[in-house]
Amino acid sequence: MNTWIYKGSRKPDTYIYVSSENDFSAVPDAILGLMGEMQFVLEVDLAEREKLALADIDAVRQQLASQGFYIQMPPGDKVPEKVC
């Protein structure tokens, strides 16, 4: 299971993981608007990993499967419930 990781120009240390390269169709417009211009960071094969540096790999896999994206926020920050 591959994931493509992007960062936004407006939110430092915040990353969006998507299931398909350059496909943000599952990400709500409100979130994309907050992020700004998206910049590619890394492609990761989640099947070949047991853990990720700053994200729970099981949560990433589950959210990619269920909603098509995952948001990694800086430590201590939370995704607003009304946006998702």
N, C-alpha and C. Protein backbone atom coordinates (compact mmCIF):
# COMPACT_ATOMS: atom_id res chain seq x y z
N MET A 1 0.85 -1.18 0.00
CA MET A 1 0.00 0.00 0.00
C MET A 1 0.89 1.24 0.00
N ASN A 2 0.90 1.94 -1.10
CA ASN A 2 1.68 3.16 -1.21
C ASN A 2 0.87 4.36 -0.74
N THR A 3 1.58 5.33 -0.20
CA THR A 3 0.97 6.61 0.13
C THR A 3 1.92 7.71 -0.32
N TRP A 4 1.33 8.80 -0.74
CA TRP A 4 2.10 9.97 -1.15
C TRP A 4 1.87 11.04 -0.10
N ILE A 5 2.96 11.66 0.33
CA ILE A 5 2.91 12.62 1.43
C ILE A 5 3.23 14.01 0.89
N TYR A 6 2.39 14.96 1.27
CA TYR A 6 2.52 16.34 0.82
C TYR A 6 2.48 17.28 2.02
N LYS A 7 3.11 18.44 1.87
CA LYS A 7 3.00 19.49 2.88
C LYS A 7 2.40 20.71 2.20
N GLY A 8 1.75 21.52 3.01
CA GLY A 8 1.16 22.74 2.49
C GLY A 8 2.06 23.93 2.72
N SER A 9 1.89 24.96 1.91
CA SER A 9 2.73 26.15 2.03
C SER A 9 2.38 27.00 3.24
N ARG A 10 1.19 26.80 3.84
CA ARG A 10 0.75 27.65 4.95
C ARG A 10 0.80 27.01 6.33
N LYS A 11 0.95 25.70 6.41
CA LYS A 11 0.89 25.01 7.70
C LYS A 11 2.18 24.23 7.94
N PRO A 12 3.13 24.82 8.65
CA PRO A 12 4.38 24.10 8.90
C PRO A 12 4.14 22.84 9.73
N ASP A 13 4.90 21.82 9.43
CA ASP A 13 4.86 20.55 10.16
C ASP A 13 3.52 19.83 10.07
N THR A 14 2.72 20.15 9.07
CA THR A 14 1.45 19.48 8.83
C THR A 14 1.54 18.81 7.47
N TYR A 15 1.17 17.54 7.43
CA TYR A 15 1.32 16.75 6.21
C TYR A 15 0.02 16.03 5.89
N ILE A 16 -0.26 15.88 4.61
CA ILE A 16 -1.41 15.12 4.15
C ILE A 16 -0.89 13.90 3.39
N TYR A 17 -1.38 12.74 3.80
CA TYR A 17 -1.07 11.48 3.13
C TYR A 17 -2.27 11.14 2.25
N VAL A 18 -2.04 10.79 0.99
CA VAL A 18 -3.12 10.40 0.09
C VAL A 18 -2.81 9.06 -0.55
N SER A 19 -3.85 8.39 -1.02
CA SER A 19 -3.73 7.04 -1.58
C SER A 19 -3.23 7.02 -3.02
N SER A 20 -3.38 8.12 -3.72
CA SER A 20 -2.95 8.19 -5.12
C SER A 20 -2.16 9.48 -5.34
N GLU A 21 -1.14 9.39 -6.12
CA GLU A 21 -0.27 10.53 -6.38
C GLU A 21 -1.06 11.72 -6.92
N ASN A 22 -0.89 12.87 -6.29
CA ASN A 22 -1.52 14.13 -6.69
C ASN A 22 -3.05 14.08 -6.70
N ASP A 23 -3.64 13.17 -5.95
CA ASP A 23 -5.11 13.04 -5.91
C ASP A 23 -5.61 13.51 -4.54
N PHE A 24 -6.12 14.73 -4.51
CA PHE A 24 -6.63 15.32 -3.28
C PHE A 24 -8.15 15.33 -3.26
N SER A 25 -8.78 14.54 -4.12
CA SER A 25 -10.24 14.55 -4.23
C SER A 25 -10.94 14.12 -2.95
N ALA A 26 -10.31 13.31 -2.12
CA ALA A 26 -10.92 12.86 -0.86
C ALA A 26 -10.73 13.87 0.27
N VAL A 27 -9.83 14.81 0.09
CA VAL A 27 -9.53 15.80 1.13
C VAL A 27 -10.54 16.94 1.04
N PRO A 28 -11.23 17.26 2.14
CA PRO A 28 -12.20 18.36 2.11
C PRO A 28 -11.56 19.68 1.66
N ASP A 29 -12.33 20.44 0.89
CA ASP A 29 -11.85 21.73 0.40
C ASP A 29 -11.41 22.66 1.52
N ALA A 30 -12.09 22.58 2.66
CA ALA A 30 -11.73 23.45 3.80
C ALA A 30 -10.31 23.16 4.27
N ILE A 31 -9.93 21.89 4.29
CA ILE A 31 -8.58 21.53 4.71
C ILE A 31 -7.57 21.98 3.67
N LEU A 32 -7.87 21.73 2.41
CA LEU A 32 -6.95 22.17 1.35
C LEU A 32 -6.77 23.68 1.37
N GLY A 33 -7.83 24.40 1.65
CA GLY A 33 -7.75 25.85 1.73
C GLY A 33 -6.83 26.32 2.86
N LEU A 34 -6.87 25.63 3.98
CA LEU A 34 -5.99 25.96 5.11
C LEU A 34 -4.54 25.62 4.82
N MET A 35 -4.32 24.57 4.03
CA MET A 35 -2.96 24.09 3.76
C MET A 35 -2.21 24.98 2.77
N GLY A 36 -2.90 25.56 1.83
CA GLY A 36 -2.22 26.33 0.79
C GLY A 36 -1.74 25.43 -0.33
N GLU A 37 -0.77 25.89 -1.08
CA GLU A 37 -0.24 25.12 -2.21
C GLU A 37 0.44 23.86 -1.69
N MET A 38 0.06 22.72 -2.28
CA MET A 38 0.61 21.44 -1.83
C MET A 38 1.92 21.15 -2.55
N GLN A 39 2.89 20.65 -1.76
CA GLN A 39 4.21 20.31 -2.29
C GLN A 39 4.52 18.86 -1.93
N PHE A 40 4.93 18.07 -2.93
CA PHE A 40 5.27 16.67 -2.71
C PHE A 40 6.48 16.56 -1.79
N VAL A 41 6.40 15.60 -0.84
CA VAL A 41 7.50 15.37 0.10
C VAL A 41 8.11 13.99 -0.09
N LEU A 42 7.26 12.94 -0.12
CA LEU A 42 7.79 11.58 -0.06
C LEU A 42 6.72 10.58 -0.47
N GLU A 43 7.15 9.49 -1.10
CA GLU A 43 6.29 8.34 -1.35
C GLU A 43 6.75 7.22 -0.42
N VAL A 44 5.80 6.56 0.26
CA VAL A 44 6.13 5.52 1.22
C VAL A 44 5.27 4.29 0.94
N ASP A 45 5.89 3.12 0.96
CA ASP A 45 5.16 1.86 0.86
C ASP A 45 4.86 1.40 2.28
N LEU A 46 3.62 1.55 2.70
CA LEU A 46 3.23 1.21 4.07
C LEU A 46 3.29 -0.29 4.34
N ALA A 47 3.22 -1.10 3.29
CA ALA A 47 3.30 -2.55 3.47
C ALA A 47 4.69 -2.99 3.90
N GLU A 48 5.69 -2.20 3.58
CA GLU A 48 7.08 -2.56 3.89
C GLU A 48 7.57 -1.95 5.21
N ARG A 49 6.70 -1.25 5.92
CA ARG A 49 7.11 -0.58 7.16
C ARG A 49 6.32 -1.09 8.35
N GLU A 50 6.95 -1.04 9.49
CA GLU A 50 6.28 -1.39 10.74
C GLU A 50 5.85 -0.15 11.51
N LYS A 51 6.55 0.97 11.27
CA LYS A 51 6.20 2.21 11.96
C LYS A 51 6.63 3.40 11.12
N LEU A 52 6.10 4.56 11.50
CA LEU A 52 6.46 5.84 10.89
C LEU A 52 7.04 6.72 11.99
N ALA A 53 7.80 7.72 11.61
CA ALA A 53 8.49 8.57 12.59
C ALA A 53 7.52 9.30 13.52
N LEU A 54 6.53 9.99 12.97
CA LEU A 54 5.66 10.83 13.80
C LEU A 54 4.18 10.53 13.66
N ALA A 55 3.85 9.41 13.03
CA ALA A 55 2.44 9.05 12.86
C ALA A 55 2.26 7.58 13.20
N ASP A 56 1.10 7.25 13.73
CA ASP A 56 0.75 5.87 14.03
C ASP A 56 0.42 5.17 12.71
N ILE A 57 1.24 4.21 12.31
CA ILE A 57 1.09 3.58 11.00
C ILE A 57 -0.26 2.89 10.86
N ASP A 58 -0.79 2.32 11.94
CA ASP A 58 -2.11 1.67 11.87
C ASP A 58 -3.21 2.70 11.61
N ALA A 59 -3.11 3.86 12.25
CA ALA A 59 -4.08 4.93 12.02
C ALA A 59 -3.98 5.45 10.59
N VAL A 60 -2.77 5.57 10.07
CA VAL A 60 -2.58 6.03 8.69
C VAL A 60 -3.24 5.04 7.73
N ARG A 61 -2.95 3.77 7.90
CA ARG A 61 -3.53 2.74 7.03
C ARG A 61 -5.06 2.75 7.10
N GLN A 62 -5.59 2.81 8.32
CA GLN A 62 -7.04 2.78 8.50
C GLN A 62 -7.71 3.99 7.86
N GLN A 63 -7.15 5.18 8.08
CA GLN A 63 -7.78 6.38 7.53
C GLN A 63 -7.63 6.47 6.02
N LEU A 64 -6.51 6.01 5.49
CA LEU A 64 -6.37 5.97 4.04
C LEU A 64 -7.41 5.04 3.43
N ALA A 65 -7.64 3.90 4.06
CA ALA A 65 -8.63 2.94 3.55
C ALA A 65 -10.06 3.46 3.69
N SER A 66 -10.36 4.11 4.80
CA SER A 66 -11.74 4.53 5.06
C SER A 66 -12.11 5.89 4.47
N GLN A 67 -11.16 6.85 4.47
CA GLN A 67 -11.52 8.18 3.98
C GLN A 67 -10.64 8.69 2.85
N GLY A 68 -9.59 7.94 2.50
CA GLY A 68 -8.77 8.31 1.35
C GLY A 68 -7.64 9.29 1.64
N PHE A 69 -7.51 9.72 2.90
CA PHE A 69 -6.41 10.61 3.27
C PHE A 69 -6.17 10.52 4.77
N TYR A 70 -5.00 11.02 5.18
CA TYR A 70 -4.63 11.10 6.59
C TYR A 70 -3.92 12.42 6.78
N ILE A 71 -4.18 13.09 7.89
CA ILE A 71 -3.50 14.35 8.20
C ILE A 71 -2.58 14.14 9.40
N GLN A 72 -1.32 14.48 9.23
CA GLN A 72 -0.35 14.44 10.33
C GLN A 72 -0.13 15.87 10.79
N MET A 73 -0.59 16.13 12.01
CA MET A 73 -0.46 17.46 12.59
C MET A 73 0.78 17.51 13.48
N PRO A 74 1.28 18.72 13.76
CA PRO A 74 2.39 18.84 14.70
C PRO A 74 1.97 18.29 16.07
N PRO A 75 2.90 17.79 16.85
CA PRO A 75 2.56 17.28 18.18
C PRO A 75 1.77 18.31 18.98
N GLY A 76 0.68 17.87 19.59
CA GLY A 76 -0.16 18.75 20.40
C GLY A 76 -1.30 19.39 19.64
N ASP A 77 -1.24 19.43 18.31
CA ASP A 77 -2.33 19.99 17.51
C ASP A 77 -3.33 18.90 17.19
N LYS A 78 -4.59 19.30 16.95
CA LYS A 78 -5.64 18.36 16.58
C LYS A 78 -6.36 18.88 15.35
N VAL A 79 -6.88 17.99 14.55
CA VAL A 79 -7.69 18.37 13.40
C VAL A 79 -9.05 18.79 13.92
N PRO A 80 -9.53 19.98 13.54
CA PRO A 80 -10.85 20.40 14.00
C PRO A 80 -11.93 19.41 13.53
N GLU A 81 -12.80 18.99 14.43
CA GLU A 81 -13.82 18.00 14.11
C GLU A 81 -14.79 18.49 13.04
N LYS A 82 -15.13 19.76 13.03
CA LYS A 82 -16.10 20.27 12.07
C LYS A 82 -15.56 20.30 10.65
N VAL A 83 -14.25 20.30 10.48
CA VAL A 83 -13.64 20.33 9.15
C VAL A 83 -13.72 18.96 8.51
N CYS A 84 -13.50 17.90 9.30
CA CYS A 84 -13.50 16.54 8.76
C CYS A 84 -14.84 15.97 8.98
